[in-house]
Amino acid sequence: MPRLIVKALLNAKNRTMEEWSQTIKSSVQARQEQQRIYEEKKRQLLPQLIESNKAGVSTRELEQITGINHTTIARWIKEAKEKQNVNPT
């Protein structure tokens, strides 16, 4: 192969690798931001969700109110109870 073709192919491959690398980096950053938002939402809502659930509001009703899946709410409440049992105050 002539040198110019080889050089062009190598440049194209490097550019593709850089693009892939940048895409992966962007995806990781977006996922980290989603996780941060999720944790913040959980931190803000969990005390109210626990209190409402103790007062008899079902997780399905809480789902209708918040738009958060009832299984997620149930898991959050369960995790909080388990954490409280491990670290009683």
Protein backbone atom coordinates (compact mmCIF):
# COMPACT_ATOMS: atom_id res chain seq x y z
CA MET A 1 0.00 0.00 0.00
CA PRO A 2 1.24 3.45 -0.73
CA ARG A 3 2.31 5.43 2.30
CA LEU A 4 -0.40 8.06 1.94
CA ILE A 5 -3.14 5.44 2.08
CA VAL A 6 -1.62 3.79 5.16
CA LYS A 7 -1.23 7.16 6.82
CA ALA A 8 -4.84 8.08 5.99
CA LEU A 9 -6.10 4.77 7.39
CA LEU A 10 -4.11 5.22 10.61
CA ASN A 11 -5.42 8.76 11.02
CA ALA A 12 -9.00 7.58 10.43
CA LYS A 13 -8.57 4.78 12.98
CA ASN A 14 -7.13 7.17 15.59
CA ARG A 15 -9.93 9.65 14.98
CA THR A 16 -12.51 6.88 15.40
CA MET A 17 -10.85 5.74 18.63
CA GLU A 18 -10.89 9.32 19.93
CA GLU A 19 -14.57 9.67 19.02
CA TRP A 20 -15.43 6.39 20.74
CA SER A 21 -13.40 7.37 23.77
CA GLN A 22 -15.18 10.74 23.96
CA THR A 23 -18.59 9.08 23.55
CA ILE A 24 -17.82 6.66 26.37
CA LYS A 25 -16.59 9.49 28.58
CA SER A 26 -19.76 11.49 27.88
CA SER A 27 -21.93 8.47 28.66
CA VAL A 28 -20.17 7.91 31.98
CA GLN A 29 -20.56 11.57 32.92
CA ALA A 30 -24.26 11.51 32.02
CA ARG A 31 -24.76 8.36 34.11
CA GLN A 32 -22.99 9.96 37.08
CA GLU A 33 -25.24 13.01 36.80
CA GLN A 34 -28.35 10.80 36.66
CA GLN A 35 -27.15 8.95 39.77
CA ARG A 36 -26.55 12.25 41.59
CA ILE A 37 -30.08 13.43 40.73
CA TYR A 38 -31.54 10.07 41.81
CA GLU A 39 -29.76 10.18 45.17
CA GLU A 40 -30.83 13.79 45.78
CA LYS A 41 -34.46 12.98 44.96
CA LYS A 42 -34.31 9.98 47.30
CA ARG A 43 -32.71 12.03 50.09
CA GLN A 44 -35.40 14.71 49.86
CA LEU A 45 -38.43 12.43 49.57
CA LEU A 46 -37.57 9.45 51.75
CA PRO A 47 -38.55 10.95 55.12
CA GLN A 48 -41.97 11.95 53.75
CA LEU A 49 -42.43 8.59 52.05
CA ILE A 50 -41.63 6.70 55.26
CA GLU A 51 -43.95 8.89 57.32
CA SER A 52 -46.78 8.56 54.79
CA ASN A 53 -46.33 4.81 54.60
CA LYS A 54 -46.42 4.54 58.41
CA ALA A 55 -49.65 6.53 58.35
CA GLY A 56 -51.18 3.94 56.03
CA VAL A 57 -50.59 5.36 52.59
CA SER A 58 -49.71 2.46 50.28
CA THR A 59 -46.66 2.46 48.05
CA ARG A 60 -49.01 2.36 45.04
CA GLU A 61 -50.73 5.53 46.26
CA LEU A 62 -47.32 7.12 46.79
CA GLU A 63 -46.43 6.08 43.24
CA GLN A 64 -49.48 7.94 41.92
CA ILE A 65 -48.54 11.03 43.91
CA THR A 66 -44.81 11.11 43.11
CA GLY A 67 -44.49 9.31 39.78
CA ILE A 68 -41.85 7.03 41.34
CA ASN A 69 -42.46 3.34 40.80
CA HIS A 70 -44.03 1.69 43.86
CA THR A 71 -41.36 -1.03 43.92
CA THR A 72 -38.68 1.63 44.10
CA ILE A 73 -40.49 3.33 46.98
CA ALA A 74 -40.89 -0.01 48.78
CA ARG A 75 -37.18 -0.75 48.30
CA TRP A 76 -36.19 2.69 49.63
CA ILE A 77 -38.38 2.23 52.71
CA LYS A 78 -37.04 -1.28 53.30
CA GLU A 79 -33.43 -0.09 52.98
CA ALA A 80 -34.10 2.75 55.43
CA LYS A 81 -35.64 0.36 57.96
CA GLU A 82 -32.71 -2.04 57.63
CA LYS A 83 -30.25 0.80 58.03
CA GLN A 84 -32.13 2.00 61.12
CA ASN A 85 -32.03 -1.51 62.62
CA VAL A 86 -28.28 -1.71 62.04
CA ASN A 87 -27.63 1.78 63.45
CA PRO A 88 -30.33 2.47 66.06
CA THR A 89 -30.26 6.05 67.37
